[in-house]
Every structure is written in C-alpha cells, then in structure tokens.
C-alpha cells in the first residue's frame, strides 16, 4: 500500500466498494419499496371517501404557511 498513489484506489478496492454498496442498497431499499407499494395499493382512507379530493387539496393547501402559498 505504501507504493500506491494516496489519492487513488485500486480496481479491486473499487469492485469491493461498489459490490458492498449494491448489497447495502438492496438490503435497505427493497423492504422500503415493498412497504411503499403495499401502502399505495391499500384502499383510500375514510377521509378521502367522505370528502371529494378537491376539497382535501384545499384543506391541506390552507394549512400551509403564508410564505409558501401562492400570491397570484
């Protein structure tokens, strides 16, 4: 290691780093994607069944701080 350039890494180190990153990403992201898809495929909540979607949007929009609401 002493004869290597301190700023660069070897091709073997690059392969190990990318392989480790891929494994870590798949271990964390796959379960989160499963949860996301299951939540999206559930029935809508009772609030959206009782109120039209345009009304829900206006309610959530009015709760925004005045600095974030459109002025036009």
Protein backbone atom coordinates (compact mmCIF):
# COMPACT_ATOMS: atom_id res chain seq x y z
CA UNK A 1 0.00 0.00 0.00
CA UNK A 2 2.91 2.34 0.58
CA UNK A 3 3.80 2.39 -3.13
CA UNK A 4 0.26 3.35 -4.25
CA UNK A 5 -0.88 6.87 -5.00
CA UNK A 6 -2.63 8.10 -1.81
CA UNK A 7 -5.36 9.85 -3.81
CA UNK A 8 -6.37 6.83 -5.91
CA UNK A 9 -7.77 3.41 -5.11
CA UNK A 10 -7.04 0.15 -6.84
CA UNK A 11 -9.51 -1.57 -9.19
CA UNK A 12 -10.00 -4.31 -6.58
CA UNK A 13 -10.93 -1.72 -3.96
CA UNK A 14 -13.36 -0.13 -6.42
CA UNK A 15 -15.01 -3.50 -7.08
CA UNK A 16 -15.32 -4.29 -3.38
CA UNK A 17 -16.72 -0.83 -2.63
CA UNK A 18 -19.29 -0.98 -5.42
CA UNK A 19 -20.32 -4.53 -4.50
CA UNK A 20 -20.73 -3.55 -0.86
CA UNK A 21 -22.76 -0.50 -1.85
CA UNK A 22 -25.03 -2.61 -4.03
CA UNK A 23 -25.66 -5.13 -1.25
CA UNK A 24 -26.35 -2.45 1.35
CA UNK A 25 -28.69 -0.62 -1.03
CA UNK A 26 -30.62 -3.78 -1.84
CA UNK A 27 -30.94 -4.70 1.84
CA UNK A 28 -32.38 -1.32 2.78
CA UNK A 29 -34.25 -0.21 -0.32
CA UNK A 30 -36.07 -3.41 -1.25
CA UNK A 31 -38.03 -3.60 2.04
CA UNK A 32 -38.84 0.10 1.81
CA UNK A 33 -40.10 -0.33 -1.75
CA UNK A 34 -42.29 -3.23 -0.62
CA UNK A 35 -43.80 -1.09 2.14
CA UNK A 36 -44.36 1.79 -0.30
CA UNK A 37 -46.15 -0.43 -2.81
CA UNK A 38 -48.33 -2.03 -0.14
CA UNK A 39 -49.30 1.36 1.25
CA UNK A 40 -50.13 2.64 -2.22
CA UNK A 41 -52.27 -0.39 -3.00
CA UNK A 42 -54.39 -0.11 0.14
CA UNK A 43 -57.90 1.25 -0.01
CA UNK A 44 -58.18 5.02 0.37
CA UNK A 45 -58.67 6.31 3.87
CA UNK A 46 -62.10 7.15 5.22
CA UNK A 47 -61.39 10.88 4.94
CA UNK A 48 -60.99 10.69 1.18
CA UNK A 49 -64.18 8.62 0.87
CA UNK A 50 -66.19 11.21 2.80
CA UNK A 51 -64.74 14.27 1.09
CA UNK A 52 -64.02 14.88 -2.60
CA UNK A 53 -60.35 15.05 -3.48
CA UNK A 54 -60.60 18.71 -4.50
CA UNK A 55 -61.84 19.52 -1.01
CA UNK A 56 -58.97 17.58 0.57
CA UNK A 57 -56.50 19.55 -1.51
CA UNK A 58 -57.96 22.87 -0.46
CA UNK A 59 -57.83 21.87 3.19
CA UNK A 60 -54.20 20.84 3.02
CA UNK A 61 -53.35 23.93 0.98
CA UNK A 62 -54.87 26.32 3.51
CA UNK A 63 -52.72 24.81 6.27
CA UNK A 64 -49.53 25.95 4.51
CA UNK A 65 -47.70 28.91 6.00
CA UNK A 66 -48.44 32.15 4.18
CA UNK A 67 -44.85 32.32 2.92
CA UNK A 68 -45.41 29.09 0.92
CA UNK A 69 -48.84 29.90 -0.52
CA UNK A 70 -49.04 31.37 -3.99
CA UNK A 71 -49.72 35.07 -4.21
CA UNK A 72 -51.27 35.04 -7.69
